[in-house]
Amino acid sequence: MRTPDHIKLRYIMLDHFEKGWTAAQSFRDLTNTYGEGTIGESTVQTWFARFKSGDKDVEDKEGRGRPSELDDDAKKLYRF
């Protein structure tokens, strides 16, 4: 079976959370369904902690990833 993208995995985890599953149960289900290495157990735990805190937004947030090393003036200079 093809592995869903990370956003779809988050929606699946949110569904599990809302059904009262534990992070460990969700991890086992995702691993059994999509295979080893699909997602790490600590990643599932992190998302469950986030859901428990009330943040149920599964979309990527602005500013994720490596920050730019160029300041605004350098970007203008190089016309990025």
C-alpha atoms as a PDB file:
ATOM      1  CA  MET A   1       0.000   0.000   0.000  1.00  0.00           C
ATOM      2  CA  ARG A   2       1.254   3.488  -0.837  1.00  0.00           C
ATOM      3  CA  THR A   3       2.214   5.656   2.126  1.00  0.00           C
ATOM      4  CA  PRO A   4       0.069   8.784   2.494  1.00  0.00           C
ATOM      5  CA  ASP A   5       1.754  12.167   2.717  1.00  0.00           C
ATOM      6  CA  HIS A   6       2.549  13.645   6.126  1.00  0.00           C
ATOM      7  CA  ILE A   7      -0.602  15.790   6.248  1.00  0.00           C
ATOM      8  CA  LYS A   8      -2.826  12.748   5.688  1.00  0.00           C
ATOM      9  CA  LEU A   9      -0.941  10.874   8.414  1.00  0.00           C
ATOM     10  CA  ARG A  10      -1.650  13.783  10.770  1.00  0.00           C
ATOM     11  CA  TYR A  11      -5.364  13.627   9.961  1.00  0.00           C
ATOM     12  CA  ILE A  12      -5.309   9.903  10.700  1.00  0.00           C
ATOM     13  CA  MET A  13      -3.546  10.560  14.022  1.00  0.00           C
ATOM     14  CA  LEU A  14      -6.098  13.270  14.869  1.00  0.00           C
ATOM     15  CA  ASP A  15      -8.906  10.808  14.163  1.00  0.00           C
ATOM     16  CA  HIS A  16      -7.236   8.249  16.421  1.00  0.00           C
ATOM     17  CA  PHE A  17      -6.799  10.881  19.142  1.00  0.00           C
ATOM     18  CA  GLU A  18     -10.438  11.934  18.950  1.00  0.00           C
ATOM     19  CA  LYS A  19     -11.488   8.273  19.239  1.00  0.00           C
ATOM     20  CA  GLY A  20      -9.533   8.026  22.500  1.00  0.00           C
ATOM     21  CA  TRP A  21      -6.605   6.011  21.200  1.00  0.00           C
ATOM     22  CA  THR A  22      -3.176   6.350  22.781  1.00  0.00           C
ATOM     23  CA  ALA A  23      -0.154   7.487  20.798  1.00  0.00           C
ATOM     24  CA  ALA A  24       1.238   3.944  21.055  1.00  0.00           C
ATOM     25  CA  GLN A  25      -1.952   2.472  19.576  1.00  0.00           C
ATOM     26  CA  SER A  26      -1.889   5.002  16.752  1.00  0.00           C
ATOM     27  CA  PHE A  27       1.777   4.282  16.037  1.00  0.00           C
ATOM     28  CA  ARG A  28       1.128   0.531  15.872  1.00  0.00           C
ATOM     29  CA  ASP A  29      -1.852   1.027  13.565  1.00  0.00           C
ATOM     30  CA  LEU A  30       0.068   3.324  11.207  1.00  0.00           C
ATOM     31  CA  THR A  31       3.047   0.958  11.149  1.00  0.00           C
ATOM     32  CA  ASN A  32       0.861  -2.107  10.569  1.00  0.00           C
ATOM     33  CA  THR A  33      -1.080  -0.338   7.822  1.00  0.00           C
ATOM     34  CA  TYR A  34       1.689   1.501   5.959  1.00  0.00           C
ATOM     35  CA  GLY A  35       4.852  -0.351   6.989  1.00  0.00           C
ATOM     36  CA  GLU A  36       7.924   0.145   9.123  1.00  0.00           C
ATOM     37  CA  GLY A  37       9.550   3.538   8.828  1.00  0.00           C
ATOM     38  CA  THR A  38       6.374   5.347   7.791  1.00  0.00           C
ATOM     39  CA  ILE A  39       6.469   7.491  10.915  1.00  0.00           C
ATOM     40  CA  GLY A  40       8.475   7.500  14.114  1.00  0.00           C
ATOM     41  CA  GLU A  41       6.904   6.734  17.466  1.00  0.00           C
ATOM     42  CA  SER A  42       8.254   9.985  18.917  1.00  0.00           C
ATOM     43  CA  THR A  43       6.600  11.909  16.076  1.00  0.00           C
ATOM     44  CA  VAL A  44       3.247  10.342  16.918  1.00  0.00           C
ATOM     45  CA  GLN A  45       3.793  11.182  20.598  1.00  0.00           C
ATOM     46  CA  THR A  46       4.598  14.795  19.688  1.00  0.00           C
ATOM     47  CA  TRP A  47       1.414  15.136  17.639  1.00  0.00           C
ATOM     48  CA  PHE A  48      -0.717  13.564  20.383  1.00  0.00           C
ATOM     49  CA  ALA A  49       0.748  16.009  22.912  1.00  0.00           C
ATOM     50  CA  ARG A  50      -0.109  18.857  20.553  1.00  0.00           C
ATOM     51  CA  PHE A  51      -3.682  17.596  20.139  1.00  0.00           C
ATOM     52  CA  LYS A  52      -4.017  17.194  23.911  1.00  0.00           C
ATOM     53  CA  SER A  53      -2.962  20.831  24.386  1.00  0.00           C
ATOM     54  CA  GLY A  54      -5.877  21.864  22.167  1.00  0.00           C
ATOM     55  CA  ASP A  55      -3.940  22.544  18.962  1.00  0.00           C
ATOM     56  CA  LYS A  56      -5.621  20.375  16.363  1.00  0.00           C
ATOM     57  CA  ASP A  57      -4.229  22.154  13.298  1.00  0.00           C
ATOM     58  CA  VAL A  58      -2.484  19.503  11.216  1.00  0.00           C
ATOM     59  CA  GLU A  59      -1.292  21.809   8.431  1.00  0.00           C
ATOM     60  CA  ASP A  60       2.331  22.958   8.204  1.00  0.00           C
ATOM     61  CA  LYS A  61       2.939  26.281   9.901  1.00  0.00           C
ATOM     62  CA  GLU A  62       4.752  29.237   8.366  1.00  0.00           C
ATOM     63  CA  GLY A  63       8.432  29.364   9.145  1.00  0.00           C
ATOM     64  CA  ARG A  64       8.946  25.621   9.162  1.00  0.00           C
ATOM     65  CA  GLY A  65      12.213  24.360   7.796  1.00  0.00           C
ATOM     66  CA  ARG A  66      15.632  25.839   7.602  1.00  0.00           C
ATOM     67  CA  PRO A  67      15.723  29.621   7.978  1.00  0.00           C
ATOM     68  CA  SER A  68      17.177  31.718   5.212  1.00  0.00           C
ATOM     69  CA  GLU A  69      20.758  32.788   5.775  1.00  0.00           C
ATOM     70  CA  LEU A  70      20.359  35.829   3.561  1.00  0.00           C
ATOM     71  CA  ASP A  71      18.959  39.053   4.944  1.00  0.00           C
ATOM     72  CA  ASP A  72      16.506  41.196   2.971  1.00  0.00           C
ATOM     73  CA  ASP A  73      19.225  43.467   1.545  1.00  0.00           C
ATOM     74  CA  ALA A  74      21.185  40.502   0.215  1.00  0.00           C
ATOM     75  CA  LYS A  75      18.044  39.080  -1.379  1.00  0.00           C
ATOM     76  CA  LYS A  76      17.447  42.377  -3.171  1.00  0.00           C
ATOM     77  CA  LEU A  77      21.056  42.463  -4.309  1.00  0.00           C
ATOM     78  CA  TYR A  78      20.850  38.967  -5.775  1.00  0.00           C
ATOM     79  CA  ARG A  79      17.211  39.441  -6.918  1.00  0.00           C
ATOM     80  CA  PHE A  80      15.759  36.377  -5.208  1.00  0.00           C
END
